[in-house]
Amino acid sequence: MKKILSILFILFCFSSVSLADLTRIYIIVNMDNAPIEILEFGKYVREDEDHISSVVEYKNTTDRDIEALIISMIYFDAFNEKEDGVRGMSTRLLKAHQEESGGWSTYGEPSFVKTAMAYVSAVRFLDGEVWKADRSEVIRMAGKIPELSFLSEIEMIEIEKK
């Protein structure tokens, strides 16, 4: 009987550890020169076995109207490896200094995601001018955030592979 109880206890401990979700960290990387500021980034109500959904609230910080924007969301697993990512695009007119929000889904295994990062990738102003984020600057800024300090190492590995 003691042996059966010991085995059941071990199985219970193992199953409770394996079913536990990682504590997810949502991080915003706002560029100093970006025309959009991300105000909030986090889990959206739809999060099931097959999809990771995120909501992003953002604001046009310029005196110019914006007709399209892209916000990149990248998800990393518990071992700091890229799990998945999505580029959320909006083509709704965003007036100067206006706030907006968007929700985007990407296919992935939500229970494996540890760290999620969001930044503005590109903006198209109403007059046709396009602003794009400097990826190396995004990586540099993200690398200063303790939870994302591994990004500089990943970037160096990617550069060496090219």
N, C-alpha and C. Protein backbone atom coordinates (compact mmCIF):
# COMPACT_ATOMS: atom_id res chain seq x y z
N MET A 1 0.82 -1.19 0.00
CA MET A 1 0.00 0.00 0.00
C MET A 1 0.87 1.27 0.00
N LYS A 2 1.94 1.26 0.82
CA LYS A 2 2.83 2.42 0.86
C LYS A 2 3.46 2.66 -0.51
N LYS A 3 3.81 1.57 -1.17
CA LYS A 3 4.43 1.68 -2.48
C LYS A 3 3.47 2.30 -3.49
N ILE A 4 2.22 1.91 -3.46
CA ILE A 4 1.20 2.46 -4.38
C ILE A 4 0.98 3.94 -4.08
N LEU A 5 0.89 4.29 -2.81
CA LEU A 5 0.73 5.70 -2.45
C LEU A 5 1.93 6.53 -2.87
N SER A 6 3.12 5.99 -2.72
CA SER A 6 4.33 6.70 -3.15
C SER A 6 4.33 6.94 -4.64
N ILE A 7 3.94 5.91 -5.39
CA ILE A 7 3.89 6.05 -6.86
C ILE A 7 2.83 7.08 -7.26
N LEU A 8 1.65 7.02 -6.62
CA LEU A 8 0.60 8.00 -6.92
C LEU A 8 1.05 9.42 -6.59
N PHE A 9 1.76 9.59 -5.46
CA PHE A 9 2.26 10.90 -5.07
C PHE A 9 3.26 11.43 -6.10
N ILE A 10 4.17 10.58 -6.54
CA ILE A 10 5.17 10.98 -7.55
C ILE A 10 4.48 11.35 -8.85
N LEU A 11 3.49 10.53 -9.27
CA LEU A 11 2.75 10.84 -10.51
C LEU A 11 2.00 12.15 -10.38
N PHE A 12 1.40 12.40 -9.21
CA PHE A 12 0.68 13.65 -9.00
C PHE A 12 1.63 14.84 -9.09
N CYS A 13 2.77 14.73 -8.44
CA CYS A 13 3.76 15.83 -8.48
C CYS A 13 4.24 16.07 -9.90
N PHE A 14 4.52 14.99 -10.62
CA PHE A 14 5.00 15.13 -11.99
C PHE A 14 3.94 15.76 -12.89
N SER A 15 2.69 15.31 -12.75
CA SER A 15 1.63 15.83 -13.62
C SER A 15 1.32 17.28 -13.28
N SER A 16 1.37 17.66 -12.00
CA SER A 16 1.07 19.04 -11.65
C SER A 16 2.17 19.98 -12.14
N VAL A 17 3.41 19.51 -12.17
CA VAL A 17 4.50 20.33 -12.70
C VAL A 17 4.38 20.45 -14.21
N SER A 18 4.06 19.35 -14.88
CA SER A 18 4.00 19.38 -16.34
C SER A 18 2.82 20.18 -16.84
N LEU A 19 1.75 20.29 -16.04
CA LEU A 19 0.57 21.03 -16.48
C LEU A 19 0.66 22.51 -16.14
N ALA A 20 1.60 22.89 -15.32
CA ALA A 20 1.73 24.29 -14.92
C ALA A 20 2.17 25.14 -16.11
N ASP A 21 1.53 26.29 -16.26
CA ASP A 21 1.91 27.20 -17.33
C ASP A 21 3.07 28.08 -16.89
N LEU A 22 3.86 28.46 -17.86
CA LEU A 22 4.93 29.41 -17.59
C LEU A 22 4.31 30.77 -17.29
N THR A 23 4.96 31.54 -16.47
CA THR A 23 4.52 32.91 -16.23
C THR A 23 4.96 33.72 -17.43
N ARG A 24 4.01 34.25 -18.17
CA ARG A 24 4.31 34.97 -19.39
C ARG A 24 4.68 36.41 -19.09
N ILE A 25 5.69 36.90 -19.78
CA ILE A 25 6.14 38.27 -19.64
C ILE A 25 5.89 38.98 -20.97
N TYR A 26 5.16 40.08 -20.93
CA TYR A 26 4.89 40.89 -22.12
C TYR A 26 5.75 42.15 -22.05
N ILE A 27 6.53 42.37 -23.09
CA ILE A 27 7.46 43.50 -23.09
C ILE A 27 7.25 44.37 -24.32
N ILE A 28 7.22 45.66 -24.10
CA ILE A 28 7.08 46.64 -25.18
C ILE A 28 8.44 47.27 -25.42
N VAL A 29 8.83 47.34 -26.70
CA VAL A 29 10.05 48.05 -27.07
C VAL A 29 9.62 49.23 -27.93
N ASN A 30 9.57 50.41 -27.33
CA ASN A 30 9.20 51.63 -28.04
C ASN A 30 10.47 52.34 -28.51
N MET A 31 10.54 52.58 -29.79
CA MET A 31 11.68 53.31 -30.37
C MET A 31 11.49 54.80 -30.12
N ASP A 32 12.58 55.50 -29.86
CA ASP A 32 12.50 56.94 -29.62
C ASP A 32 11.93 57.70 -30.81
N ASN A 33 12.27 57.26 -32.01
CA ASN A 33 11.84 58.01 -33.20
C ASN A 33 10.61 57.43 -33.88
N ALA A 34 9.96 56.45 -33.26
CA ALA A 34 8.77 55.83 -33.86
C ALA A 34 7.58 56.78 -33.79
N PRO A 35 6.80 56.85 -34.87
CA PRO A 35 5.61 57.71 -34.87
C PRO A 35 4.45 57.12 -34.07
N ILE A 36 4.58 55.87 -33.67
CA ILE A 36 3.55 55.19 -32.88
C ILE A 36 4.19 54.78 -31.55
N GLU A 37 3.47 55.01 -30.46
CA GLU A 37 3.90 54.52 -29.16
C GLU A 37 2.97 53.39 -28.75
N ILE A 38 3.53 52.25 -28.40
CA ILE A 38 2.71 51.15 -27.90
C ILE A 38 2.44 51.43 -26.42
N LEU A 39 1.17 51.50 -26.07
CA LEU A 39 0.78 51.81 -24.70
C LEU A 39 0.62 50.55 -23.85
N GLU A 40 0.03 49.51 -24.44
CA GLU A 40 -0.16 48.26 -23.72
C GLU A 40 -0.04 47.09 -24.69
N PHE A 41 0.44 45.97 -24.17
CA PHE A 41 0.60 44.75 -24.94
C PHE A 41 0.36 43.60 -23.99
N GLY A 42 -0.54 42.68 -24.37
CA GLY A 42 -0.80 41.56 -23.49
C GLY A 42 -1.70 40.52 -24.11
N LYS A 43 -2.03 39.56 -23.29
CA LYS A 43 -2.84 38.42 -23.72
C LYS A 43 -4.25 38.87 -24.05
N TYR A 44 -4.76 38.34 -25.11
CA TYR A 44 -6.13 38.60 -25.53
C TYR A 44 -7.01 37.48 -24.97
N VAL A 45 -8.30 37.66 -24.94
CA VAL A 45 -9.18 36.65 -24.36
C VAL A 45 -9.11 35.31 -25.08
N ARG A 46 -8.84 35.30 -26.38
CA ARG A 46 -8.76 34.03 -27.10
C ARG A 46 -7.35 33.47 -26.97
N GLU A 47 -7.22 32.47 -26.16
CA GLU A 47 -5.94 31.77 -26.04
C GLU A 47 -6.28 30.31 -25.82
N ASP A 48 -6.12 29.53 -26.87
CA ASP A 48 -6.46 28.12 -26.77
C ASP A 48 -5.24 27.27 -27.11
N GLU A 49 -5.46 26.00 -27.35
CA GLU A 49 -4.35 25.08 -27.58
C GLU A 49 -3.56 25.38 -28.84
N ASP A 50 -4.17 26.03 -29.81
CA ASP A 50 -3.53 26.20 -31.11
C ASP A 50 -3.13 27.63 -31.45
N HIS A 51 -3.59 28.60 -30.71
CA HIS A 51 -3.35 29.99 -31.09
C HIS A 51 -2.87 30.83 -29.91
N ILE A 52 -2.03 31.78 -30.23
CA ILE A 52 -1.62 32.80 -29.28
C ILE A 52 -2.25 34.09 -29.80
N SER A 53 -3.04 34.73 -28.99
CA SER A 53 -3.67 35.97 -29.40
C SER A 53 -3.22 37.09 -28.47
N SER A 54 -2.94 38.22 -29.06
CA SER A 54 -2.47 39.36 -28.27
C SER A 54 -3.24 40.61 -28.66
N VAL A 55 -3.40 41.49 -27.71
CA VAL A 55 -3.99 42.79 -27.98
C VAL A 55 -2.92 43.85 -27.75
N VAL A 56 -2.92 44.84 -28.62
CA VAL A 56 -1.96 45.94 -28.53
C VAL A 56 -2.73 47.24 -28.57
N GLU A 57 -2.46 48.11 -27.62
CA GLU A 57 -3.02 49.46 -27.64
C GLU A 57 -1.88 50.40 -28.00
N TYR A 58 -2.16 51.33 -28.90
CA TYR A 58 -1.10 52.21 -29.38
C TYR A 58 -1.66 53.60 -29.66
N LYS A 59 -0.73 54.54 -29.84
CA LYS A 59 -1.11 55.94 -30.05
C LYS A 59 -0.23 56.56 -31.11
N ASN A 60 -0.84 57.32 -31.99
CA ASN A 60 -0.12 58.13 -32.96
C ASN A 60 0.44 59.32 -32.19
N THR A 61 1.76 59.44 -32.13
CA THR A 61 2.39 60.50 -31.35
C THR A 61 2.78 61.70 -32.21
N THR A 62 2.38 61.68 -33.47
CA THR A 62 2.76 62.76 -34.38
C THR A 62 1.59 63.69 -34.68
N ASP A 63 1.89 64.75 -35.41
CA ASP A 63 0.87 65.69 -35.87
C ASP A 63 0.36 65.31 -37.27
N ARG A 64 0.68 64.09 -37.71
CA ARG A 64 0.31 63.63 -39.04
C ARG A 64 -0.62 62.43 -38.96
N ASP A 65 -1.52 62.30 -39.93
CA ASP A 65 -2.42 61.15 -39.99
C ASP A 65 -1.67 59.96 -40.57
N ILE A 66 -2.02 58.79 -40.07
CA ILE A 66 -1.38 57.54 -40.49
C ILE A 66 -2.43 56.66 -41.15
N GLU A 67 -2.08 56.10 -42.32
CA GLU A 67 -3.06 55.25 -43.01
C GLU A 67 -2.77 53.76 -42.88
N ALA A 68 -1.59 53.39 -42.43
CA ALA A 68 -1.27 51.97 -42.23
C ALA A 68 -0.11 51.85 -41.25
N LEU A 69 -0.12 50.74 -40.50
CA LEU A 69 0.98 50.49 -39.58
C LEU A 69 1.14 49.00 -39.38
N ILE A 70 2.36 48.63 -38.99
CA ILE A 70 2.65 47.23 -38.67
C ILE A 70 3.28 47.19 -37.28
N ILE A 71 2.73 46.34 -36.44
CA ILE A 71 3.31 46.08 -35.13
C ILE A 71 3.75 44.63 -35.12
N SER A 72 5.03 44.40 -34.84
CA SER A 72 5.57 43.04 -34.78
C SER A 72 5.49 42.53 -33.36
N MET A 73 5.02 41.29 -33.23
CA MET A 73 4.97 40.62 -31.94
C MET A 73 5.74 39.31 -32.08
N ILE A 74 6.74 39.13 -31.24
CA ILE A 74 7.58 37.94 -31.31
C ILE A 74 7.48 37.20 -29.98
N TYR A 75 7.32 35.90 -30.08
CA TYR A 75 7.14 35.06 -28.90
C TYR A 75 8.34 34.13 -28.75
N PHE A 76 8.89 34.04 -27.53
CA PHE A 76 10.04 33.20 -27.23
C PHE A 76 9.63 32.15 -26.19
N ASP A 77 10.24 30.97 -26.29
CA ASP A 77 9.93 29.90 -25.34
C ASP A 77 10.77 30.05 -24.07
N ALA A 78 10.66 29.07 -23.19
CA ALA A 78 11.37 29.12 -21.91
C ALA A 78 12.88 29.05 -22.06
N PHE A 79 13.35 28.71 -23.27
CA PHE A 79 14.79 28.60 -23.51
C PHE A 79 15.30 29.74 -24.39
N ASN A 80 14.50 30.82 -24.50
CA ASN A 80 14.84 32.03 -25.24
C ASN A 80 14.99 31.79 -26.73
N GLU A 81 14.33 30.77 -27.25
CA GLU A 81 14.32 30.52 -28.68
C GLU A 81 13.00 31.00 -29.24
N LYS A 82 13.04 31.54 -30.45
CA LYS A 82 11.83 32.08 -31.06
C LYS A 82 10.81 30.96 -31.25
N GLU A 83 9.65 31.15 -30.66
CA GLU A 83 8.56 30.18 -30.76
C GLU A 83 7.70 30.50 -31.98
N ASP A 84 7.34 31.77 -32.14
CA ASP A 84 6.48 32.19 -33.24
C ASP A 84 6.48 33.71 -33.27
N GLY A 85 5.82 34.26 -34.24
CA GLY A 85 5.72 35.71 -34.35
C GLY A 85 4.61 36.09 -35.30
N VAL A 86 4.17 37.31 -35.19
CA VAL A 86 3.12 37.81 -36.07
C VAL A 86 3.36 39.29 -36.32
N ARG A 87 3.03 39.71 -37.51
CA ARG A 87 3.05 41.14 -37.83
C ARG A 87 1.61 41.60 -37.92
N GLY A 88 1.18 42.34 -36.93
CA GLY A 88 -0.18 42.86 -36.94
C GLY A 88 -0.23 44.11 -37.79
N MET A 89 -1.10 44.09 -38.80
CA MET A 89 -1.20 45.24 -39.69
C MET A 89 -2.57 45.89 -39.55
N SER A 90 -2.58 47.20 -39.51
CA SER A 90 -3.83 47.95 -39.49
C SER A 90 -3.81 48.93 -40.65
N THR A 91 -4.91 49.00 -41.35
CA THR A 91 -5.05 49.98 -42.44
C THR A 91 -6.18 50.96 -42.16
N ARG A 92 -6.54 51.06 -40.89
CA ARG A 92 -7.54 52.05 -40.49
C ARG A 92 -6.86 53.40 -40.32
N LEU A 93 -7.52 54.45 -40.74
CA LEU A 93 -6.96 55.79 -40.58
C LEU A 93 -6.78 56.10 -39.10
N LEU A 94 -5.58 56.49 -38.75
CA LEU A 94 -5.25 56.85 -37.38
C LEU A 94 -4.88 58.33 -37.37
N LYS A 95 -5.78 59.13 -36.88
CA LYS A 95 -5.56 60.58 -36.85
C LYS A 95 -4.42 60.95 -35.90
N ALA A 96 -3.90 62.16 -36.09
CA ALA A 96 -2.83 62.65 -35.23
C ALA A 96 -3.25 62.57 -33.77
N HIS A 97 -2.36 62.04 -32.94
CA HIS A 97 -2.54 61.93 -31.49
C HIS A 97 -3.73 61.05 -31.08
N GLN A 98 -4.22 60.22 -31.98
CA GLN A 98 -5.34 59.32 -31.68
C GLN A 98 -4.84 58.00 -31.12
N GLU A 99 -5.61 57.42 -30.19
CA GLU A 99 -5.31 56.09 -29.65
C GLU A 99 -6.16 55.05 -30.36
N GLU A 100 -5.64 53.84 -30.46
CA GLU A 100 -6.34 52.75 -31.14
C GLU A 100 -5.86 51.45 -30.51
N SER A 101 -6.56 50.37 -30.81
CA SER A 101 -6.09 49.05 -30.37
C SER A 101 -6.37 48.03 -31.45
N GLY A 102 -5.64 46.94 -31.40
CA GLY A 102 -5.84 45.86 -32.35
C GLY A 102 -5.55 44.54 -31.68
N GLY A 103 -6.21 43.49 -32.15
CA GLY A 103 -5.97 42.15 -31.63
C GLY A 103 -5.54 41.25 -32.77
N TRP A 104 -4.46 40.52 -32.57
CA TRP A 104 -3.93 39.65 -33.61
C TRP A 104 -3.67 38.27 -33.06
N SER A 105 -3.84 37.25 -33.90
CA SER A 105 -3.58 35.86 -33.51
C SER A 105 -2.49 35.28 -34.37
N THR A 106 -1.75 34.38 -33.78
CA THR A 106 -0.75 33.63 -34.54
C THR A 106 -0.84 32.18 -34.10
N TYR A 107 -0.51 31.28 -35.00
CA TYR A 107 -0.54 29.86 -34.66
C TYR A 107 0.67 29.56 -33.79
N GLY A 108 0.47 28.87 -32.72
CA GLY A 108 1.58 28.52 -31.85
C GLY A 108 1.09 27.76 -30.64
N GLU A 109 1.99 27.32 -29.83
CA GLU A 109 1.66 26.58 -28.61
C GLU A 109 1.77 27.54 -27.43
N PRO A 110 0.64 28.14 -27.00
CA PRO A 110 0.69 29.16 -25.95
C PRO A 110 1.36 28.73 -24.66
N SER A 111 1.23 27.47 -24.29
CA SER A 111 1.78 27.05 -23.01
C SER A 111 3.31 27.05 -22.98
N PHE A 112 3.95 27.13 -24.15
CA PHE A 112 5.41 27.14 -24.20
C PHE A 112 5.99 28.54 -24.25
N VAL A 113 5.15 29.54 -24.46
CA VAL A 113 5.64 30.91 -24.58
C VAL A 113 5.96 31.48 -23.21
N LYS A 114 7.19 31.96 -23.06
CA LYS A 114 7.63 32.58 -21.81
C LYS A 114 7.66 34.10 -21.94
N THR A 115 8.24 34.57 -23.04
CA THR A 115 8.43 36.01 -23.22
C THR A 115 7.82 36.45 -24.54
N ALA A 116 7.08 37.53 -24.50
CA ALA A 116 6.48 38.10 -25.71
C ALA A 116 6.94 39.55 -25.82
N MET A 117 7.30 39.96 -27.02
CA MET A 117 7.83 41.30 -27.24
C MET A 117 7.06 41.95 -28.39
N ALA A 118 6.79 43.24 -28.28
CA ALA A 118 6.09 43.97 -29.34
C ALA A 118 6.84 45.27 -29.64
N TYR A 119 6.89 45.60 -30.94
CA TYR A 119 7.47 46.88 -31.36
C TYR A 119 6.85 47.30 -32.68
N VAL A 120 6.92 48.58 -32.98
CA VAL A 120 6.38 49.12 -34.23
C VAL A 120 7.41 48.88 -35.33
N SER A 121 6.98 48.19 -36.40
CA SER A 121 7.88 47.86 -37.52
C SER A 121 7.85 48.90 -38.61
N ALA A 122 6.64 49.37 -38.96
CA ALA A 122 6.53 50.29 -40.08
C ALA A 122 5.25 51.12 -39.95
N VAL A 123 5.31 52.31 -40.52
CA VAL A 123 4.17 53.23 -40.53
C VAL A 123 4.11 53.90 -41.90
N ARG A 124 2.91 54.00 -42.46
CA ARG A 124 2.71 54.74 -43.70
C ARG A 124 1.81 55.93 -43.39
N PHE A 125 2.36 57.12 -43.61
CA PHE A 125 1.60 58.34 -43.38
C PHE A 125 0.64 58.57 -44.54
N LEU A 126 -0.37 59.37 -44.31
CA LEU A 126 -1.40 59.65 -45.32
C LEU A 126 -0.81 60.27 -46.58
N ASP A 127 0.29 61.01 -46.44
CA ASP A 127 0.92 61.65 -47.61
C ASP A 127 1.82 60.69 -48.40
N GLY A 128 1.91 59.41 -47.96
CA GLY A 128 2.68 58.41 -48.69
C GLY A 128 4.06 58.12 -48.12
N GLU A 129 4.56 58.96 -47.23
CA GLU A 129 5.87 58.70 -46.63
C GLU A 129 5.81 57.45 -45.76
N VAL A 130 6.86 56.64 -45.81
CA VAL A 130 6.93 55.40 -45.03
C VAL A 130 8.08 55.50 -44.03
N TRP A 131 7.79 55.18 -42.79
CA TRP A 131 8.81 55.07 -41.74
C TRP A 131 8.97 53.60 -41.42
N LYS A 132 10.23 53.14 -41.32
CA LYS A 132 10.51 51.75 -40.94
C LYS A 132 11.49 51.73 -39.78
N ALA A 133 11.25 50.78 -38.87
CA ALA A 133 12.15 50.63 -37.72
C ALA A 133 13.47 50.06 -38.17
N ASP A 134 14.55 50.53 -37.58
CA ASP A 134 15.88 49.98 -37.80
C ASP A 134 15.98 48.75 -36.90
N ARG A 135 15.99 47.56 -37.52
CA ARG A 135 15.97 46.31 -36.77
C ARG A 135 17.14 46.21 -35.79
N SER A 136 18.31 46.65 -36.18
CA SER A 136 19.46 46.57 -35.29
C SER A 136 19.25 47.46 -34.06
N GLU A 137 18.57 48.58 -34.23
CA GLU A 137 18.27 49.47 -33.11
C GLU A 137 17.23 48.83 -32.18
N VAL A 138 16.25 48.13 -32.76
CA VAL A 138 15.26 47.42 -31.95
C VAL A 138 15.97 46.37 -31.10
N ILE A 139 16.87 45.60 -31.71
CA ILE A 139 17.60 44.56 -30.99
C ILE A 139 18.48 45.18 -29.91
N ARG A 140 19.13 46.31 -30.22
CA ARG A 140 19.99 46.98 -29.24
C ARG A 140 19.18 47.45 -28.04
N MET A 141 18.05 48.09 -28.31
CA MET A 141 17.20 48.58 -27.21
C MET A 141 16.61 47.43 -26.40
N ALA A 142 16.17 46.38 -27.10
CA ALA A 142 15.58 45.22 -26.41
C ALA A 142 16.63 44.54 -25.54
N GLY A 143 17.86 44.50 -26.01
CA GLY A 143 18.93 43.86 -25.25
C GLY A 143 19.23 44.54 -23.93
N LYS A 144 18.80 45.78 -23.77
CA LYS A 144 18.99 46.51 -22.50
C LYS A 144 17.92 46.15 -21.47
N ILE A 145 16.85 45.51 -21.92
CA ILE A 145 15.78 45.09 -21.03
C ILE A 145 16.17 43.73 -20.45
N PRO A 146 16.26 43.61 -19.12
CA PRO A 146 16.77 42.36 -18.53
C PRO A 146 16.12 41.09 -19.08
N GLU A 147 14.80 41.09 -19.23
CA GLU A 147 14.12 39.88 -19.72
C GLU A 147 14.42 39.57 -21.18
N LEU A 148 14.98 40.53 -21.91
CA LEU A 148 15.29 40.33 -23.33
C LEU A 148 16.79 40.39 -23.61
N SER A 149 17.61 40.36 -22.58
CA SER A 149 19.06 40.51 -22.78
C SER A 149 19.65 39.42 -23.68
N PHE A 150 18.97 38.31 -23.83
CA PHE A 150 19.44 37.23 -24.70
C PHE A 150 19.36 37.61 -26.18
N LEU A 151 18.60 38.63 -26.54
CA LEU A 151 18.42 38.98 -27.95
C LEU A 151 19.71 39.39 -28.64
N SER A 152 20.60 40.06 -27.96
CA SER A 152 21.85 40.46 -28.60
C SER A 152 22.66 39.24 -29.01
N GLU A 153 22.63 38.19 -28.21
CA GLU A 153 23.33 36.95 -28.56
C GLU A 153 22.70 36.30 -29.78
N ILE A 154 21.38 36.26 -29.83
CA ILE A 154 20.68 35.68 -30.97
C ILE A 154 21.02 36.46 -32.24
N GLU A 155 21.03 37.78 -32.14
CA GLU A 155 21.33 38.61 -33.31
C GLU A 155 22.74 38.33 -33.81
N MET A 156 23.69 38.19 -32.91
CA MET A 156 25.07 37.91 -33.33
C MET A 156 25.16 36.57 -34.05
N ILE A 157 24.44 35.57 -33.56
CA ILE A 157 24.44 34.26 -34.22
C ILE A 157 23.85 34.38 -35.62
N GLU A 158 22.75 35.13 -35.77
CA GLU A 158 22.12 35.31 -37.09
C GLU A 158 23.06 36.03 -38.06
N ILE A 159 23.77 37.02 -37.57
CA ILE A 159 24.71 37.78 -38.43
C ILE A 159 25.84 36.86 -38.90
N GLU A 160 26.36 36.02 -38.00
CA GLU A 160 27.44 35.11 -38.35
C GLU A 160 27.02 34.07 -39.37
N LYS A 161 25.75 33.67 -39.39
CA LYS A 161 25.25 32.68 -40.33
C LYS A 161 25.15 33.23 -41.75
N LYS A 162 25.03 34.55 -41.90
CA LYS A 162 24.83 35.15 -43.23
C LYS A 162 26.10 35.20 -44.03
